[in-house]
Amino acid sequence: MNYTKLQSILLNHEIWYIEDLEVVFEAMDVNPETLFPQAKFALFEYTANIKEAIELLNKNNVQWEVHLDEEGLQYIVI
C-alpha cells in the first residue's frame, strides 16, 4: 500500500507517515518499530473519523490495527 492509494481510499482523512511521528510516539512511550513493524501510516482520532476509516479500510481489504494513545484516543496503523 502506498500513500497515493491509501489517500484515494480515505479521501477526507489526514494520513501520517509513521516515520514522521517519532516525537509523537516517543511522547506516548511507544516504539512503532517493535509494536507495529510492518505499518507505514497512521490516522489519529483527532484528525480522522475512525469509524468511517475502518469501514473504508475493510471495504478495500486494507490491513489495519487500532491502538489507544495515553489520552484514550484511538489511532489506526496501516
Protein backbone atom coordinates (compact mmCIF):
# COMPACT_ATOMS: atom_id res chain seq x y z
CA MET A 1 0.00 0.00 0.00
CA ASN A 2 1.40 3.38 -0.93
CA TYR A 3 0.31 6.84 0.16
CA THR A 4 -1.48 7.69 -3.09
CA LYS A 5 -3.58 4.51 -2.98
CA LEU A 6 -4.41 5.00 0.70
CA GLN A 7 -5.34 8.64 0.09
CA SER A 8 -7.71 7.56 -2.71
CA ILE A 9 -9.49 5.28 -0.20
CA LEU A 10 -9.51 7.74 2.71
CA LEU A 11 -10.33 10.96 0.86
CA ASN A 12 -11.32 13.08 3.86
CA HIS A 13 -8.83 11.77 6.40
CA GLU A 14 -5.46 13.08 7.48
CA ILE A 15 -2.89 10.35 6.84
CA TRP A 16 0.50 10.46 8.55
CA TYR A 17 3.71 8.61 7.73
CA ILE A 18 4.77 6.73 10.86
CA GLU A 19 8.40 7.69 10.23
CA ASP A 20 7.37 11.35 10.59
CA LEU A 21 5.78 10.74 14.01
CA GLU A 22 8.89 9.92 16.02
CA VAL A 23 8.24 12.68 18.57
CA VAL A 24 4.57 11.73 18.93
CA PHE A 25 5.29 8.06 19.57
CA GLU A 26 8.19 8.91 21.85
CA ALA A 27 5.84 11.07 23.96
CA MET A 28 3.42 8.13 24.14
CA ASP A 29 6.29 5.81 25.11
CA VAL A 30 5.58 3.68 22.04
CA ASN A 31 8.22 2.11 19.82
CA PRO A 32 6.48 1.66 16.45
CA GLU A 33 9.32 -0.49 15.12
CA THR A 34 8.55 -3.18 17.71
CA LEU A 35 4.81 -2.66 18.27
CA PHE A 36 3.79 -2.49 14.61
CA PRO A 37 6.89 -3.07 12.45
CA GLN A 38 5.04 -3.51 9.13
CA ALA A 39 2.95 -0.34 9.43
CA LYS A 40 3.82 2.71 7.35
CA PHE A 41 0.89 5.04 8.01
CA ALA A 42 -1.21 6.28 10.91
CA LEU A 43 -4.53 8.04 11.38
CA PHE A 44 -5.45 9.71 14.65
CA GLU A 45 -8.93 10.07 16.12
CA TYR A 46 -8.50 13.82 16.49
CA THR A 47 -7.89 14.27 12.73
CA ALA A 48 -9.88 11.39 11.23
CA ASN A 49 -13.27 9.76 11.56
CA ILE A 50 -12.07 6.40 12.90
CA LYS A 51 -15.36 4.55 12.38
CA GLU A 52 -15.61 5.69 8.77
CA ALA A 53 -11.91 4.97 8.15
CA ILE A 54 -12.29 1.41 9.46
CA GLU A 55 -15.30 0.83 7.21
CA LEU A 56 -13.39 2.11 4.17
CA LEU A 57 -10.27 0.12 5.01
CA ASN A 58 -12.30 -3.08 5.46
CA LYS A 59 -14.21 -2.45 2.22
CA ASN A 60 -10.88 -2.18 0.39
CA ASN A 61 -9.23 -5.15 2.16
CA VAL A 62 -6.55 -3.00 3.79
CA GLN A 63 -4.90 -4.47 6.89
CA TRP A 64 -5.00 -2.16 9.91
CA GLU A 65 -4.77 -2.14 13.70
CA VAL A 66 -6.36 0.16 16.27
CA HIS A 67 -4.40 1.32 19.31
CA LEU A 68 -5.08 3.82 22.10
CA ASP A 69 -2.88 6.76 23.00
CA GLU A 70 -2.22 7.95 26.55
CA GLU A 71 -5.40 10.05 26.46
CA GLY A 72 -7.53 7.06 25.45
CA LEU A 73 -7.94 8.32 21.89
CA GLN A 74 -7.81 5.80 19.09
CA TYR A 75 -5.29 5.71 16.29
CA ILE A 76 -5.07 3.35 13.35
CA VAL A 77 -1.83 2.00 11.94
CA ILE A 78 -1.71 0.69 8.40
